[in-house]
């Protein structure tokens, strides 16, 4: 079993100051690529109550049995 990680670009939207929604946009192998992508989507024109966030997500990839 190996552990892999990817950087996921998320759009976080505030419904109010207590409730938020998350929408995954894309996956990137590095934080740098995720950050660059986030600047290309909105840069200075981020809509009100929304923010882009890069989050590192780790998981376990199990080797498939070769039956």
N, C-alpha and C. Protein backbone atom coordinates (compact mmCIF):
# COMPACT_ATOMS: atom_id res chain seq x y z
N UNK A 1 0.85 -1.18 0.00
CA UNK A 1 0.00 0.00 0.00
C UNK A 1 0.90 1.24 0.00
N UNK A 2 0.56 2.19 -0.85
CA UNK A 2 1.31 3.45 -0.90
C UNK A 2 0.37 4.60 -0.57
N UNK A 3 0.95 5.66 -0.07
CA UNK A 3 0.17 6.85 0.24
C UNK A 3 0.50 7.91 -0.80
N UNK A 4 -0.52 8.50 -1.38
CA UNK A 4 -0.33 9.57 -2.35
C UNK A 4 -1.06 10.81 -1.85
N UNK A 5 -0.64 11.94 -2.35
CA UNK A 5 -1.31 13.19 -2.00
C UNK A 5 -1.43 14.05 -3.24
N UNK A 6 -2.51 14.79 -3.33
CA UNK A 6 -2.72 15.74 -4.40
C UNK A 6 -3.16 17.05 -3.78
N UNK A 7 -3.02 18.11 -4.52
CA UNK A 7 -3.53 19.42 -4.09
C UNK A 7 -4.84 19.66 -4.83
N UNK A 8 -5.89 19.92 -4.08
CA UNK A 8 -7.22 20.15 -4.66
C UNK A 8 -7.56 21.63 -4.54
N UNK A 9 -7.93 22.22 -5.66
CA UNK A 9 -8.38 23.61 -5.68
C UNK A 9 -9.87 23.62 -5.40
N UNK A 10 -10.26 24.34 -4.35
CA UNK A 10 -11.65 24.41 -3.92
C UNK A 10 -12.16 25.84 -4.03
N UNK A 11 -13.44 25.97 -4.35
CA UNK A 11 -14.12 27.26 -4.21
C UNK A 11 -14.95 27.16 -2.93
N UNK A 12 -14.68 28.05 -1.99
CA UNK A 12 -15.42 28.10 -0.73
C UNK A 12 -16.39 29.27 -0.83
N UNK A 13 -17.67 28.99 -0.61
CA UNK A 13 -18.69 30.03 -0.67
C UNK A 13 -19.36 30.16 0.68
N UNK A 14 -19.42 31.38 1.19
CA UNK A 14 -20.09 31.64 2.46
C UNK A 14 -21.57 31.89 2.19
N UNK A 15 -22.39 31.02 2.75
CA UNK A 15 -23.85 31.22 2.67
C UNK A 15 -24.25 32.30 3.67
N UNK A 16 -23.70 32.19 4.86
CA UNK A 16 -23.77 33.22 5.89
C UNK A 16 -22.50 33.05 6.71
N UNK A 17 -22.38 33.70 7.83
CA UNK A 17 -21.11 33.60 8.55
C UNK A 17 -20.92 32.29 9.30
N UNK A 18 -21.90 31.41 9.25
CA UNK A 18 -21.77 30.09 9.90
C UNK A 18 -21.83 28.92 8.92
N UNK A 19 -22.34 29.13 7.74
CA UNK A 19 -22.53 28.05 6.76
C UNK A 19 -21.72 28.31 5.50
N UNK A 20 -21.02 27.25 5.06
CA UNK A 20 -20.17 27.35 3.88
C UNK A 20 -20.40 26.14 2.98
N UNK A 21 -20.18 26.34 1.69
CA UNK A 21 -20.20 25.22 0.76
C UNK A 21 -18.82 25.12 0.12
N UNK A 22 -18.47 23.91 -0.27
CA UNK A 22 -17.20 23.66 -0.94
C UNK A 22 -17.47 23.03 -2.30
N UNK A 23 -16.73 23.49 -3.30
CA UNK A 23 -16.85 22.90 -4.62
C UNK A 23 -15.44 22.62 -5.14
N UNK A 24 -15.08 21.34 -5.34
CA UNK A 24 -13.77 21.05 -5.90
C UNK A 24 -13.72 21.47 -7.37
N UNK A 25 -12.61 22.09 -7.76
CA UNK A 25 -12.46 22.57 -9.13
C UNK A 25 -11.53 21.66 -9.92
N UNK A 26 -10.35 21.36 -9.35
CA UNK A 26 -9.36 20.55 -10.07
C UNK A 26 -8.32 20.02 -9.09
N UNK A 27 -7.53 19.05 -9.55
CA UNK A 27 -6.44 18.49 -8.77
C UNK A 27 -5.11 18.83 -9.42
N UNK A 28 -4.10 19.05 -8.58
CA UNK A 28 -2.75 19.38 -9.05
C UNK A 28 -1.73 18.59 -8.26
N UNK A 29 -0.59 18.25 -8.87
CA UNK A 29 0.43 17.49 -8.15
C UNK A 29 1.22 18.31 -7.15
N UNK A 30 1.26 19.64 -7.34
CA UNK A 30 2.04 20.49 -6.43
C UNK A 30 1.21 21.68 -5.96
N UNK A 31 1.61 22.23 -4.82
CA UNK A 31 0.94 23.41 -4.28
C UNK A 31 1.13 24.59 -5.23
N UNK A 32 2.32 24.69 -5.82
CA UNK A 32 2.61 25.80 -6.73
C UNK A 32 1.65 25.81 -7.92
N UNK A 33 1.40 24.65 -8.51
CA UNK A 33 0.48 24.57 -9.65
C UNK A 33 -0.94 24.92 -9.23
N UNK A 34 -1.33 24.49 -8.05
CA UNK A 34 -2.66 24.80 -7.54
C UNK A 34 -2.81 26.31 -7.33
N UNK A 35 -1.80 26.92 -6.74
CA UNK A 35 -1.84 28.37 -6.49
C UNK A 35 -1.93 29.15 -7.80
N UNK A 36 -1.11 28.77 -8.78
CA UNK A 36 -1.13 29.46 -10.08
C UNK A 36 -2.52 29.34 -10.71
N UNK A 37 -3.10 28.15 -10.65
CA UNK A 37 -4.45 27.97 -11.19
C UNK A 37 -5.46 28.87 -10.48
N UNK A 38 -5.32 29.02 -9.17
CA UNK A 38 -6.26 29.86 -8.42
C UNK A 38 -6.16 31.32 -8.85
N UNK A 39 -4.95 31.77 -9.18
CA UNK A 39 -4.80 33.16 -9.60
C UNK A 39 -5.36 33.38 -11.01
N UNK A 40 -5.41 32.33 -11.80
CA UNK A 40 -5.93 32.46 -13.16
C UNK A 40 -7.46 32.48 -13.21
N UNK A 41 -8.10 31.91 -12.19
CA UNK A 41 -9.56 31.87 -12.18
C UNK A 41 -10.19 33.22 -11.86
N UNK A 42 -9.75 33.86 -10.79
CA UNK A 42 -10.38 35.10 -10.35
C UNK A 42 -9.41 36.26 -10.26
N UNK A 43 -8.26 36.02 -9.68
CA UNK A 43 -7.25 37.02 -9.33
C UNK A 43 -7.88 38.17 -8.57
N UNK A 44 -8.14 39.30 -9.20
CA UNK A 44 -8.68 40.45 -8.46
C UNK A 44 -10.20 40.51 -8.47
N UNK A 45 -10.84 39.66 -9.25
CA UNK A 45 -12.29 39.73 -9.40
C UNK A 45 -13.01 38.60 -8.69
N UNK A 46 -12.57 38.28 -7.49
CA UNK A 46 -13.23 37.22 -6.72
C UNK A 46 -14.62 37.70 -6.33
N UNK A 47 -15.64 36.91 -6.65
CA UNK A 47 -17.00 37.32 -6.27
C UNK A 47 -17.14 37.43 -4.75
N UNK A 48 -18.06 38.26 -4.32
CA UNK A 48 -18.32 38.43 -2.89
C UNK A 48 -18.70 37.10 -2.27
N UNK A 49 -18.21 36.83 -1.09
CA UNK A 49 -18.50 35.61 -0.32
C UNK A 49 -17.87 34.35 -0.90
N UNK A 50 -16.89 34.49 -1.78
CA UNK A 50 -16.19 33.32 -2.31
C UNK A 50 -14.69 33.49 -2.17
N UNK A 51 -14.02 32.37 -2.01
CA UNK A 51 -12.56 32.37 -1.93
C UNK A 51 -12.06 31.07 -2.51
N UNK A 52 -10.89 31.11 -3.09
CA UNK A 52 -10.24 29.91 -3.61
C UNK A 52 -9.26 29.40 -2.58
N UNK A 53 -9.19 28.10 -2.44
CA UNK A 53 -8.36 27.48 -1.42
C UNK A 53 -7.71 26.23 -1.99
N UNK A 54 -6.41 26.09 -1.77
CA UNK A 54 -5.70 24.87 -2.14
C UNK A 54 -5.53 24.02 -0.89
N UNK A 55 -5.97 22.78 -0.96
CA UNK A 55 -5.88 21.88 0.19
C UNK A 55 -5.19 20.59 -0.22
N UNK A 56 -4.24 20.17 0.60
CA UNK A 56 -3.53 18.92 0.34
C UNK A 56 -4.38 17.76 0.85
N UNK A 57 -4.66 16.83 -0.04
CA UNK A 57 -5.50 15.68 0.29
C UNK A 57 -4.67 14.41 0.11
N UNK A 58 -4.60 13.61 1.15
CA UNK A 58 -3.85 12.35 1.09
C UNK A 58 -4.79 11.18 1.12
N UNK A 59 -4.37 10.11 0.50
CA UNK A 59 -5.19 8.90 0.48
C UNK A 59 -4.29 7.69 0.36
N UNK A 60 -4.90 6.55 0.36
CA UNK A 60 -4.16 5.30 0.23
C UNK A 60 -4.55 4.65 -1.10
N UNK A 61 -3.55 4.34 -1.89
CA UNK A 61 -3.76 3.61 -3.13
C UNK A 61 -3.28 2.19 -2.92
N UNK A 62 -4.21 1.26 -2.98
CA UNK A 62 -3.83 -0.13 -2.80
C UNK A 62 -3.57 -0.76 -4.15
N UNK A 63 -2.54 -1.58 -4.20
CA UNK A 63 -2.21 -2.27 -5.43
C UNK A 63 -3.30 -3.27 -5.75
N UNK A 64 -3.77 -3.23 -7.01
CA UNK A 64 -4.81 -4.15 -7.45
C UNK A 64 -4.23 -5.55 -7.56
N UNK A 65 -4.98 -6.54 -7.12
CA UNK A 65 -4.51 -7.92 -7.26
C UNK A 65 -4.58 -8.33 -8.73
N UNK A 66 -3.63 -9.09 -9.14
CA UNK A 66 -3.55 -9.52 -10.54
C UNK A 66 -4.01 -10.97 -10.65
N UNK A 67 -5.33 -11.20 -10.56
CA UNK A 67 -5.88 -12.56 -10.65
C UNK A 67 -6.09 -13.01 -12.06
